[in-house]
All heavy atoms as atom14 arrays in JSON, in Angstrom:
{
  "sequence": "LLGVLLQFRQYPIALVADIAGMFNQVKVPPEDSDALRFLWWETNDLE",
  "atom14_mask": [
    [1, 1, 1, 1, 1, 1, 1, 1, 0, 0, 0, 0, 0, 0],
    [1, 1, 1, 1, 1, 1, 1, 1, 0, 0, 0, 0, 0, 0],
    [1, 1, 1, 1, 0, 0, 0, 0, 0, 0, 0, 0, 0, 0],
    [1, 1, 1, 1, 1, 1, 1, 0, 0, 0, 0, 0, 0, 0],
    [1, 1, 1, 1, 1, 1, 1, 1, 0, 0, 0, 0, 0, 0],
    [1, 1, 1, 1, 1, 1, 1, 1, 0, 0, 0, 0, 0, 0],
    [1, 1, 1, 1, 1, 1, 1, 1, 1, 0, 0, 0, 0, 0],
    [1, 1, 1, 1, 1, 1, 1, 1, 1, 1, 1, 0, 0, 0],
    [1, 1, 1, 1, 1, 1, 1, 1, 1, 1, 1, 0, 0, 0],
    [1, 1, 1, 1, 1, 1, 1, 1, 1, 0, 0, 0, 0, 0],
    [1, 1, 1, 1, 1, 1, 1, 1, 1, 1, 1, 1, 0, 0],
    [1, 1, 1, 1, 1, 1, 1, 0, 0, 0, 0, 0, 0, 0],
    [1, 1, 1, 1, 1, 1, 1, 1, 0, 0, 0, 0, 0, 0],
    [1, 1, 1, 1, 1, 0, 0, 0, 0, 0, 0, 0, 0, 0],
    [1, 1, 1, 1, 1, 1, 1, 1, 0, 0, 0, 0, 0, 0],
    [1, 1, 1, 1, 1, 1, 1, 0, 0, 0, 0, 0, 0, 0],
    [1, 1, 1, 1, 1, 0, 0, 0, 0, 0, 0, 0, 0, 0],
    [1, 1, 1, 1, 1, 1, 1, 1, 0, 0, 0, 0, 0, 0],
    [1, 1, 1, 1, 1, 1, 1, 1, 0, 0, 0, 0, 0, 0],
    [1, 1, 1, 1, 1, 0, 0, 0, 0, 0, 0, 0, 0, 0],
    [1, 1, 1, 1, 0, 0, 0, 0, 0, 0, 0, 0, 0, 0],
    [1, 1, 1, 1, 1, 1, 1, 1, 0, 0, 0, 0, 0, 0],
    [1, 1, 1, 1, 1, 1, 1, 1, 1, 1, 1, 0, 0, 0],
    [1, 1, 1, 1, 1, 1, 1, 1, 0, 0, 0, 0, 0, 0],
    [1, 1, 1, 1, 1, 1, 1, 1, 1, 0, 0, 0, 0, 0],
    [1, 1, 1, 1, 1, 1, 1, 0, 0, 0, 0, 0, 0, 0],
    [1, 1, 1, 1, 1, 1, 1, 1, 1, 0, 0, 0, 0, 0],
    [1, 1, 1, 1, 1, 1, 1, 0, 0, 0, 0, 0, 0, 0],
    [1, 1, 1, 1, 1, 1, 1, 0, 0, 0, 0, 0, 0, 0],
    [1, 1, 1, 1, 1, 1, 1, 0, 0, 0, 0, 0, 0, 0],
    [1, 1, 1, 1, 1, 1, 1, 1, 1, 0, 0, 0, 0, 0],
    [1, 1, 1, 1, 1, 1, 1, 1, 0, 0, 0, 0, 0, 0],
    [1, 1, 1, 1, 1, 1, 0, 0, 0, 0, 0, 0, 0, 0],
    [1, 1, 1, 1, 1, 1, 1, 1, 0, 0, 0, 0, 0, 0],
    [1, 1, 1, 1, 1, 0, 0, 0, 0, 0, 0, 0, 0, 0],
    [1, 1, 1, 1, 1, 1, 1, 1, 0, 0, 0, 0, 0, 0],
    [1, 1, 1, 1, 1, 1, 1, 1, 1, 1, 1, 0, 0, 0],
    [1, 1, 1, 1, 1, 1, 1, 1, 1, 1, 1, 0, 0, 0],
    [1, 1, 1, 1, 1, 1, 1, 1, 0, 0, 0, 0, 0, 0],
    [1, 1, 1, 1, 1, 1, 1, 1, 1, 1, 1, 1, 1, 1],
    [1, 1, 1, 1, 1, 1, 1, 1, 1, 1, 1, 1, 1, 1],
    [1, 1, 1, 1, 1, 1, 1, 1, 1, 0, 0, 0, 0, 0],
    [1, 1, 1, 1, 1, 1, 1, 0, 0, 0, 0, 0, 0, 0],
    [1, 1, 1, 1, 1, 1, 1, 1, 0, 0, 0, 0, 0, 0],
    [1, 1, 1, 1, 1, 1, 1, 1, 0, 0, 0, 0, 0, 0],
    [1, 1, 1, 1, 1, 1, 1, 1, 0, 0, 0, 0, 0, 0],
    [1, 1, 1, 1, 1, 1, 1, 1, 1, 0, 0, 0, 0, 0]
  ],
  "atom14_positions": [
    [[177.84, 53.95, 31.87], [177.44, 55.33, 31.57], [177.25, 55.52, 30.07], [176.24, 56.07, 29.62], [178.48, 56.3, 32.11], [178.31, 57.77, 31.73], [177.03, 58.33, 32.33], [179.51, 58.59, 32.19], [0.0, 0.0, 0.0], [0.0, 0.0, 0.0], [0.0, 0.0, 0.0], [0.0, 0.0, 0.0], [0.0, 0.0, 0.0], [0.0, 0.0, 0.0]],
    [[178.22, 55.06, 29.29], [178.14, 55.22, 27.83], [176.94, 54.47, 27.28], [176.22, 54.98, 26.41], [179.43, 54.72, 27.18], [179.51, 54.82, 25.65], [179.33, 56.27, 25.2], [180.83, 54.26, 25.14], [0.0, 0.0, 0.0], [0.0, 0.0, 0.0], [0.0, 0.0, 0.0], [0.0, 0.0, 0.0], [0.0, 0.0, 0.0], [0.0, 0.0, 0.0]],
    [[176.69, 53.26, 27.78], [175.56, 52.47, 27.29], [174.23, 53.16, 27.56], [173.35, 53.22, 26.7], [0.0, 0.0, 0.0], [0.0, 0.0, 0.0], [0.0, 0.0, 0.0], [0.0, 0.0, 0.0], [0.0, 0.0, 0.0], [0.0, 0.0, 0.0], [0.0, 0.0, 0.0], [0.0, 0.0, 0.0], [0.0, 0.0, 0.0], [0.0, 0.0, 0.0]],
    [[174.07, 53.7, 28.77], [172.82, 54.39, 29.12], [172.62, 55.62, 28.24], [171.52, 55.88, 27.73], [172.83, 54.77, 30.61], [171.64, 55.68, 30.95], [172.78, 53.52, 31.49], [0.0, 0.0, 0.0], [0.0, 0.0, 0.0], [0.0, 0.0, 0.0], [0.0, 0.0, 0.0], [0.0, 0.0, 0.0], [0.0, 0.0, 0.0], [0.0, 0.0, 0.0]],
    [[173.68, 56.39, 28.02], [173.57, 57.6, 27.2], [173.26, 57.26, 25.73], [172.46, 57.94, 25.08], [174.86, 58.42, 27.29], [174.99, 59.3, 28.53], [176.4, 59.88, 28.62], [173.96, 60.42, 28.54], [0.0, 0.0, 0.0], [0.0, 0.0, 0.0], [0.0, 0.0, 0.0], [0.0, 0.0, 0.0], [0.0, 0.0, 0.0], [0.0, 0.0, 0.0]],
    [[173.9, 56.23, 25.2], [173.64, 55.86, 23.81], [172.21, 55.38, 23.62], [171.55, 55.72, 22.63], [174.63, 54.78, 23.36], [176.08, 55.23, 23.17], [176.97, 54.05, 22.84], [176.19, 56.29, 22.08], [0.0, 0.0, 0.0], [0.0, 0.0, 0.0], [0.0, 0.0, 0.0], [0.0, 0.0, 0.0], [0.0, 0.0, 0.0], [0.0, 0.0, 0.0]],
    [[171.7, 54.61, 24.57], [170.3, 54.17, 24.48], [169.34, 55.36, 24.58], [168.27, 55.35, 23.99], [169.99, 53.17, 25.6], [170.62, 51.8, 25.4], [169.94, 51.01, 24.31], [170.23, 51.19, 23.12], [169.03, 50.14, 24.69], [0.0, 0.0, 0.0], [0.0, 0.0, 0.0], [0.0, 0.0, 0.0], [0.0, 0.0, 0.0], [0.0, 0.0, 0.0]],
    [[169.75, 56.37, 25.32], [168.94, 57.58, 25.48], [168.73, 58.29, 24.14], [167.75, 58.99, 23.93], [169.63, 58.51, 26.48], [168.92, 59.8, 26.75], [167.62, 59.82, 27.21], [169.57, 61.02, 26.56], [166.97, 61.01, 27.48], [168.93, 62.22, 26.82], [167.63, 62.22, 27.28], [0.0, 0.0, 0.0], [0.0, 0.0, 0.0], [0.0, 0.0, 0.0]],
    [[169.67, 58.11, 23.2], [169.56, 58.77, 21.89], [168.87, 57.9, 20.84], [168.75, 58.29, 19.68], [170.98, 59.12, 21.36], [171.85, 59.86, 22.34], [171.2, 61.11, 22.88], [170.93, 62.09, 21.84], [169.98, 63.02, 21.93], [169.2, 63.08, 22.98], [169.82, 63.88, 20.95], [0.0, 0.0, 0.0], [0.0, 0.0, 0.0], [0.0, 0.0, 0.0]],
    [[168.37, 56.73, 21.24], [167.88, 55.76, 20.26], [166.52, 56.13, 19.67], [166.29, 56.0, 18.46], [167.8, 54.37, 20.88], [167.45, 53.27, 19.9], [167.58, 51.89, 20.52], [167.82, 51.77, 21.72], [167.41, 50.86, 19.73], [0.0, 0.0, 0.0], [0.0, 0.0, 0.0], [0.0, 0.0, 0.0], [0.0, 0.0, 0.0], [0.0, 0.0, 0.0]],
    [[165.58, 56.61, 20.51], [164.22, 56.86, 20.07], [163.84, 58.33, 20.28], [164.5, 59.05, 21.02], [163.25, 55.94, 20.81], [163.5, 54.47, 20.55], [163.92, 53.63, 21.57], [163.34, 53.93, 19.27], [164.16, 52.28, 21.34], [163.57, 52.59, 19.03], [163.98, 51.77, 20.06], [164.23, 50.44, 19.83], [0.0, 0.0, 0.0], [0.0, 0.0, 0.0]],
    [[162.75, 58.79, 19.65], [162.46, 60.24, 19.63], [161.94, 60.83, 20.94], [162.11, 62.02, 21.18], [161.41, 60.38, 18.52], [160.79, 59.03, 18.39], [161.87, 58.06, 18.71], [0.0, 0.0, 0.0], [0.0, 0.0, 0.0], [0.0, 0.0, 0.0], [0.0, 0.0, 0.0], [0.0, 0.0, 0.0], [0.0, 0.0, 0.0], [0.0, 0.0, 0.0]],
    [[161.27, 60.05, 21.78], [160.68, 60.6, 23.0], [161.58, 60.27, 24.18], [161.82, 59.1, 24.49], [159.26, 60.03, 23.26], [158.38, 60.23, 22.03], [158.65, 60.71, 24.49], [158.17, 61.68, 21.63], [0.0, 0.0, 0.0], [0.0, 0.0, 0.0], [0.0, 0.0, 0.0], [0.0, 0.0, 0.0], [0.0, 0.0, 0.0], [0.0, 0.0, 0.0]],
    [[162.08, 61.32, 24.83], [163.05, 61.16, 25.93], [162.37, 61.32, 27.29], [161.46, 62.13, 27.46], [164.17, 62.19, 25.78], [0.0, 0.0, 0.0], [0.0, 0.0, 0.0], [0.0, 0.0, 0.0], [0.0, 0.0, 0.0], [0.0, 0.0, 0.0], [0.0, 0.0, 0.0], [0.0, 0.0, 0.0], [0.0, 0.0, 0.0], [0.0, 0.0, 0.0]],
    [[162.83, 60.52, 28.25], [162.35, 60.6, 29.63], [163.56, 60.64, 30.57], [164.49, 59.85, 30.42], [161.52, 59.36, 29.98], [160.08, 59.28, 29.51], [159.53, 57.89, 29.82], [159.23, 60.34, 30.2], [0.0, 0.0, 0.0], [0.0, 0.0, 0.0], [0.0, 0.0, 0.0], [0.0, 0.0, 0.0], [0.0, 0.0, 0.0], [0.0, 0.0, 0.0]],
    [[163.51, 61.56, 31.53], [164.58, 61.67, 32.52], [163.94, 61.89, 33.9], [162.96, 62.64, 34.01], [165.52, 62.85, 32.18], [166.47, 63.13, 33.34], [166.32, 62.55, 30.92], [0.0, 0.0, 0.0], [0.0, 0.0, 0.0], [0.0, 0.0, 0.0], [0.0, 0.0, 0.0], [0.0, 0.0, 0.0], [0.0, 0.0, 0.0], [0.0, 0.0, 0.0]],
    [[164.47, 61.21, 34.92], [164.02, 61.43, 36.29], [165.13, 60.95, 37.22], [166.13, 60.4, 36.76], [162.72, 60.67, 36.57], [0.0, 0.0, 0.0], [0.0, 0.0, 0.0], [0.0, 0.0, 0.0], [0.0, 0.0, 0.0], [0.0, 0.0, 0.0], [0.0, 0.0, 0.0], [0.0, 0.0, 0.0], [0.0, 0.0, 0.0], [0.0, 0.0, 0.0]],
    [[164.97, 61.19, 38.51], [165.93, 60.59, 39.44], [165.24, 60.18, 40.73], [164.13, 60.63, 41.05], [167.14, 61.49, 39.7], [166.81, 62.78, 40.43], [166.04, 62.72, 41.41], [167.32, 63.83, 40.04], [0.0, 0.0, 0.0], [0.0, 0.0, 0.0], [0.0, 0.0, 0.0], [0.0, 0.0, 0.0], [0.0, 0.0, 0.0], [0.0, 0.0, 0.0]],
    [[165.9, 59.28, 41.46], [165.36, 58.77, 42.72], [165.75, 59.71, 43.84], [166.93, 60.04, 44.01], [165.9, 57.36, 43.01], [165.45, 56.38, 41.92], [165.42, 56.87, 44.38], [166.07, 55.0, 42.04], [0.0, 0.0, 0.0], [0.0, 0.0, 0.0], [0.0, 0.0, 0.0], [0.0, 0.0, 0.0], [0.0, 0.0, 0.0], [0.0, 0.0, 0.0]],
    [[164.76, 60.16, 44.59], [165.03, 61.09, 45.7], [165.77, 60.37, 46.82], [165.28, 59.36, 47.34], [163.71, 61.66, 46.22], [0.0, 0.0, 0.0], [0.0, 0.0, 0.0], [0.0, 0.0, 0.0], [0.0, 0.0, 0.0], [0.0, 0.0, 0.0], [0.0, 0.0, 0.0], [0.0, 0.0, 0.0], [0.0, 0.0, 0.0], [0.0, 0.0, 0.0]],
    [[166.95, 60.88, 47.18], [167.71, 60.33, 48.29], [167.87, 58.83, 48.23], [167.54, 58.12, 49.18], [0.0, 0.0, 0.0], [0.0, 0.0, 0.0], [0.0, 0.0, 0.0], [0.0, 0.0, 0.0], [0.0, 0.0, 0.0], [0.0, 0.0, 0.0], [0.0, 0.0, 0.0], [0.0, 0.0, 0.0], [0.0, 0.0, 0.0], [0.0, 0.0, 0.0]],
    [[168.41, 58.34, 47.12], [168.43, 56.89, 46.86], [169.04, 56.09, 48.01], [168.46, 55.1, 48.47], [169.19, 56.61, 45.57], [169.26, 55.14, 45.2], [170.09, 54.92, 43.61], [170.1, 53.14, 43.47], [0.0, 0.0, 0.0], [0.0, 0.0, 0.0], [0.0, 0.0, 0.0], [0.0, 0.0, 0.0], [0.0, 0.0, 0.0], [0.0, 0.0, 0.0]],
    [[170.22, 56.49, 48.48], [170.88, 55.71, 49.53], [170.03, 55.69, 50.81], [169.99, 54.68, 51.52], [172.26, 56.26, 49.85], [173.25, 56.15, 48.71], [174.48, 56.77, 48.78], [172.95, 55.42, 47.57], [175.41, 56.66, 47.74], [173.86, 55.31, 46.51], [175.08, 55.94, 46.6], [0.0, 0.0, 0.0], [0.0, 0.0, 0.0], [0.0, 0.0, 0.0]],
    [[169.37, 56.82, 51.11], [168.57, 56.89, 52.32], [167.32, 56.03, 52.27], [166.68, 55.8, 53.31], [168.15, 58.34, 52.61], [169.3, 59.23, 53.01], [169.34, 60.41, 52.68], [170.27, 58.7, 53.73], [0.0, 0.0, 0.0], [0.0, 0.0, 0.0], [0.0, 0.0, 0.0], [0.0, 0.0, 0.0], [0.0, 0.0, 0.0], [0.0, 0.0, 0.0]],
    [[166.94, 55.56, 51.1], [165.75, 54.7, 50.98], [166.07, 53.25, 51.32], [165.17, 52.42, 51.41], [165.17, 54.79, 49.57], [164.9, 56.19, 49.06], [164.14, 57.06, 50.04], [163.24, 56.59, 50.74], [164.51, 58.33, 50.11], [0.0, 0.0, 0.0], [0.0, 0.0, 0.0], [0.0, 0.0, 0.0], [0.0, 0.0, 0.0], [0.0, 0.0, 0.0]],
    [[167.36, 52.92, 51.46], [167.77, 51.56, 51.81], [168.16, 51.56, 53.28], [169.12, 52.21, 53.69], [168.94, 51.09, 50.92], [169.34, 49.66, 51.3], [168.56, 51.16, 49.45], [0.0, 0.0, 0.0], [0.0, 0.0, 0.0], [0.0, 0.0, 0.0], [0.0, 0.0, 0.0], [0.0, 0.0, 0.0], [0.0, 0.0, 0.0], [0.0, 0.0, 0.0]],
    [[167.42, 50.83, 54.09], [167.62, 50.82, 55.54], [168.79, 49.91, 55.94], [169.16, 48.99, 55.21], [166.34, 50.35, 56.24], [165.13, 51.24, 55.98], [165.36, 52.64, 56.49], [164.15, 53.54, 56.3], [164.41, 54.91, 56.78], [0.0, 0.0, 0.0], [0.0, 0.0, 0.0], [0.0, 0.0, 0.0], [0.0, 0.0, 0.0], [0.0, 0.0, 0.0]],
    [[169.34, 50.2, 57.11], [170.34, 49.31, 57.71], [169.73, 48.71, 58.97], [168.88, 49.34, 59.62], [171.65, 50.06, 58.06], [172.34, 50.57, 56.82], [171.39, 51.2, 59.03], [0.0, 0.0, 0.0], [0.0, 0.0, 0.0], [0.0, 0.0, 0.0], [0.0, 0.0, 0.0], [0.0, 0.0, 0.0], [0.0, 0.0, 0.0], [0.0, 0.0, 0.0]],
    [[170.12, 47.49, 59.34], [169.59, 46.88, 60.57], [170.09, 47.64, 61.8], [171.1, 48.33, 61.75], [170.14, 45.45, 60.52], [171.31, 45.5, 59.6], [171.03, 46.58, 58.61], [0.0, 0.0, 0.0], [0.0, 0.0, 0.0], [0.0, 0.0, 0.0], [0.0, 0.0, 0.0], [0.0, 0.0, 0.0], [0.0, 0.0, 0.0], [0.0, 0.0, 0.0]],
    [[169.37, 47.53, 62.92], [169.72, 48.31, 64.13], [171.16, 48.14, 64.57], [171.8, 49.1, 65.01], [168.74, 47.77, 65.17], [167.56, 47.3, 64.39], [168.12, 46.76, 63.1], [0.0, 0.0, 0.0], [0.0, 0.0, 0.0], [0.0, 0.0, 0.0], [0.0, 0.0, 0.0], [0.0, 0.0, 0.0], [0.0, 0.0, 0.0], [0.0, 0.0, 0.0]],
    [[171.71, 46.92, 64.46], [173.09, 46.72, 64.93], [174.1, 47.49, 64.08], [175.16, 47.88, 64.58], [173.45, 45.22, 64.95], [173.38, 44.53, 63.6], [172.02, 43.93, 63.29], [171.02, 44.37, 63.9], [171.97, 43.01, 62.44], [0.0, 0.0, 0.0], [0.0, 0.0, 0.0], [0.0, 0.0, 0.0], [0.0, 0.0, 0.0], [0.0, 0.0, 0.0]],
    [[173.79, 47.74, 62.8], [174.69, 48.53, 61.96], [174.48, 50.03, 62.16], [175.4, 50.82, 61.92], [174.48, 48.17, 60.48], [175.12, 46.83, 60.12], [175.91, 46.32, 60.93], [174.82, 46.3, 59.03], [0.0, 0.0, 0.0], [0.0, 0.0, 0.0], [0.0, 0.0, 0.0], [0.0, 0.0, 0.0], [0.0, 0.0, 0.0], [0.0, 0.0, 0.0]],
    [[173.3, 50.42, 62.58], [173.05, 51.85, 62.85], [174.0, 52.39, 63.91], [174.28, 53.59, 63.96], [171.6, 52.07, 63.29], [170.72, 51.97, 62.21], [0.0, 0.0, 0.0], [0.0, 0.0, 0.0], [0.0, 0.0, 0.0], [0.0, 0.0, 0.0], [0.0, 0.0, 0.0], [0.0, 0.0, 0.0], [0.0, 0.0, 0.0], [0.0, 0.0, 0.0]],
    [[174.5, 51.51, 64.77], [175.4, 51.94, 65.83], [176.71, 52.49, 65.26], [177.4, 53.28, 65.91], [175.68, 50.77, 66.78], [176.13, 51.25, 68.16], [175.61, 52.29, 68.62], [177.0, 50.61, 68.75], [0.0, 0.0, 0.0], [0.0, 0.0, 0.0], [0.0, 0.0, 0.0], [0.0, 0.0, 0.0], [0.0, 0.0, 0.0], [0.0, 0.0, 0.0]],
    [[177.06, 52.06, 64.05], [178.27, 52.56, 63.39], [178.01, 53.86, 62.65], [178.93, 54.43, 62.05], [178.81, 51.51, 62.42], [0.0, 0.0, 0.0], [0.0, 0.0, 0.0], [0.0, 0.0, 0.0], [0.0, 0.0, 0.0], [0.0, 0.0, 0.0], [0.0, 0.0, 0.0], [0.0, 0.0, 0.0], [0.0, 0.0, 0.0], [0.0, 0.0, 0.0]],
    [[176.78, 54.33, 62.69], [176.39, 55.54, 61.95], [175.89, 56.62, 62.9], [174.95, 57.36, 62.59], [175.31, 55.19, 60.92], [175.69, 54.1, 59.9], [174.49, 53.78, 59.0], [176.87, 54.53, 59.05], [0.0, 0.0, 0.0], [0.0, 0.0, 0.0], [0.0, 0.0, 0.0], [0.0, 0.0, 0.0], [0.0, 0.0, 0.0], [0.0, 0.0, 0.0]],
    [[176.51, 56.7, 64.07], [176.15, 57.77, 65.01], [176.73, 59.11, 64.56], [177.76, 59.15, 63.88], [176.67, 57.45, 66.42], [176.02, 56.25, 67.08], [176.41, 56.2, 68.54], [175.92, 54.99, 69.2], [175.93, 54.8, 70.51], [176.42, 55.74, 71.33], [175.47, 53.67, 71.04], [0.0, 0.0, 0.0], [0.0, 0.0, 0.0], [0.0, 0.0, 0.0]],
    [[176.1, 60.19, 64.98], [176.66, 61.52, 64.74], [176.16, 62.48, 65.8], [175.17, 62.2, 66.5], [176.33, 62.03, 63.33], [174.85, 62.24, 63.07], [174.25, 63.49, 63.25], [174.05, 61.2, 62.61], [172.91, 63.69, 62.99], [172.71, 61.38, 62.35], [172.13, 62.63, 62.53], [0.0, 0.0, 0.0], [0.0, 0.0, 0.0], [0.0, 0.0, 0.0]],
    [[176.86, 63.58, 65.95], [176.51, 64.6, 66.94], [175.86, 65.78, 66.23], [176.3, 66.2, 65.16], [177.76, 65.06, 67.69], [178.56, 63.97, 68.4], [179.86, 64.54, 68.96], [177.74, 63.33, 69.51], [0.0, 0.0, 0.0], [0.0, 0.0, 0.0], [0.0, 0.0, 0.0], [0.0, 0.0, 0.0], [0.0, 0.0, 0.0], [0.0, 0.0, 0.0]],
    [[174.82, 66.33, 66.84], [174.13, 67.48, 66.25], [173.33, 68.19, 67.33], [172.96, 67.61, 68.34], [173.21, 67.02, 65.11], [172.44, 68.12, 64.44], [171.09, 68.3, 64.41], [172.98, 69.24, 63.72], [170.76, 69.43, 63.71], [171.9, 70.03, 63.28], [174.29, 69.63, 63.42], [172.08, 71.19, 62.54], [174.46, 70.81, 62.68], [173.38, 71.56, 62.24]],
    [[173.08, 69.49, 67.09], [172.33, 70.3, 68.04], [170.85, 70.32, 67.67], [170.5, 70.55, 66.5], [172.85, 71.73, 68.05], [174.3, 71.86, 68.38], [174.86, 71.92, 69.62], [175.39, 71.96, 67.45], [176.22, 72.05, 69.52], [176.57, 72.08, 68.21], [175.47, 71.97, 66.07], [177.83, 72.21, 67.62], [176.71, 72.08, 65.47], [177.88, 72.2, 66.24]],
    [[170.0, 70.13, 68.65], [168.55, 70.17, 68.4], [168.05, 71.59, 68.25], [167.0, 71.82, 67.62], [167.81, 69.48, 69.54], [167.98, 67.98, 69.56], [167.09, 67.32, 70.58], [165.95, 66.96, 70.23], [167.52, 67.19, 71.74], [0.0, 0.0, 0.0], [0.0, 0.0, 0.0], [0.0, 0.0, 0.0], [0.0, 0.0, 0.0], [0.0, 0.0, 0.0]],
    [[168.77, 72.55, 68.81], [168.31, 73.94, 68.77], [169.37, 74.83, 68.13], [170.53, 74.44, 67.97], [168.01, 74.46, 70.19], [169.21, 74.38, 70.98], [166.92, 73.62, 70.85], [0.0, 0.0, 0.0], [0.0, 0.0, 0.0], [0.0, 0.0, 0.0], [0.0, 0.0, 0.0], [0.0, 0.0, 0.0], [0.0, 0.0, 0.0], [0.0, 0.0, 0.0]],
    [[168.96, 76.06, 67.81], [169.85, 77.01, 67.13], [170.96, 77.55, 68.02], [171.88, 78.21, 67.51], [169.03, 78.19, 66.58], [168.29, 77.81, 65.3], [168.78, 77.03, 64.5], [167.1, 78.37, 65.12], [0.0, 0.0, 0.0], [0.0, 0.0, 0.0], [0.0, 0.0, 0.0], [0.0, 0.0, 0.0], [0.0, 0.0, 0.0], [0.0, 0.0, 0.0]],
    [[170.9, 77.31, 69.33], [171.91, 77.92, 70.21], [173.27, 77.22, 70.11], [174.27, 77.72, 70.63], [171.42, 77.94, 71.66], [171.14, 76.55, 72.21], [171.55, 75.54, 71.56], [170.5, 76.45, 73.27], [0.0, 0.0, 0.0], [0.0, 0.0, 0.0], [0.0, 0.0, 0.0], [0.0, 0.0, 0.0], [0.0, 0.0, 0.0], [0.0, 0.0, 0.0]],
    [[173.3, 76.07, 69.45], [174.55, 75.33, 69.22], [175.28, 74.99, 70.51], [176.5, 75.01, 70.59], [175.48, 76.11, 68.28], [174.91, 76.5, 66.91], [175.97, 77.2, 66.07], [174.37, 75.28, 66.17], [0.0, 0.0, 0.0], [0.0, 0.0, 0.0], [0.0, 0.0, 0.0], [0.0, 0.0, 0.0], [0.0, 0.0, 0.0], [0.0, 0.0, 0.0]],
    [[174.5, 74.67, 71.53], [175.07, 74.24, 72.81], [174.6, 72.82, 73.1], [173.51, 72.42, 72.73], [174.61, 75.18, 73.94], [175.05, 76.63, 73.78], [176.56, 76.8, 73.86], [177.23, 75.94, 74.47], [177.08, 77.8, 73.31], [0.0, 0.0, 0.0], [0.0, 0.0, 0.0], [0.0, 0.0, 0.0], [0.0, 0.0, 0.0], [0.0, 0.0, 0.0]]
  ]
}
C-alpha cells in the first residue's frame, strides 16, 4: 500500500481507476460452484 501511494506522488499527472467487481471476473470450475450455493427469491413476494 505504501509503495503504491508513494509512486502515485512521483510524477505530475495522476491516474486513478478501479476494476469493476474484480473477484466476480474470476470464474470457478463447476465442481467448486457447488460450494457456493445460496437461497434467494425470484419474486418480490418473498415466498
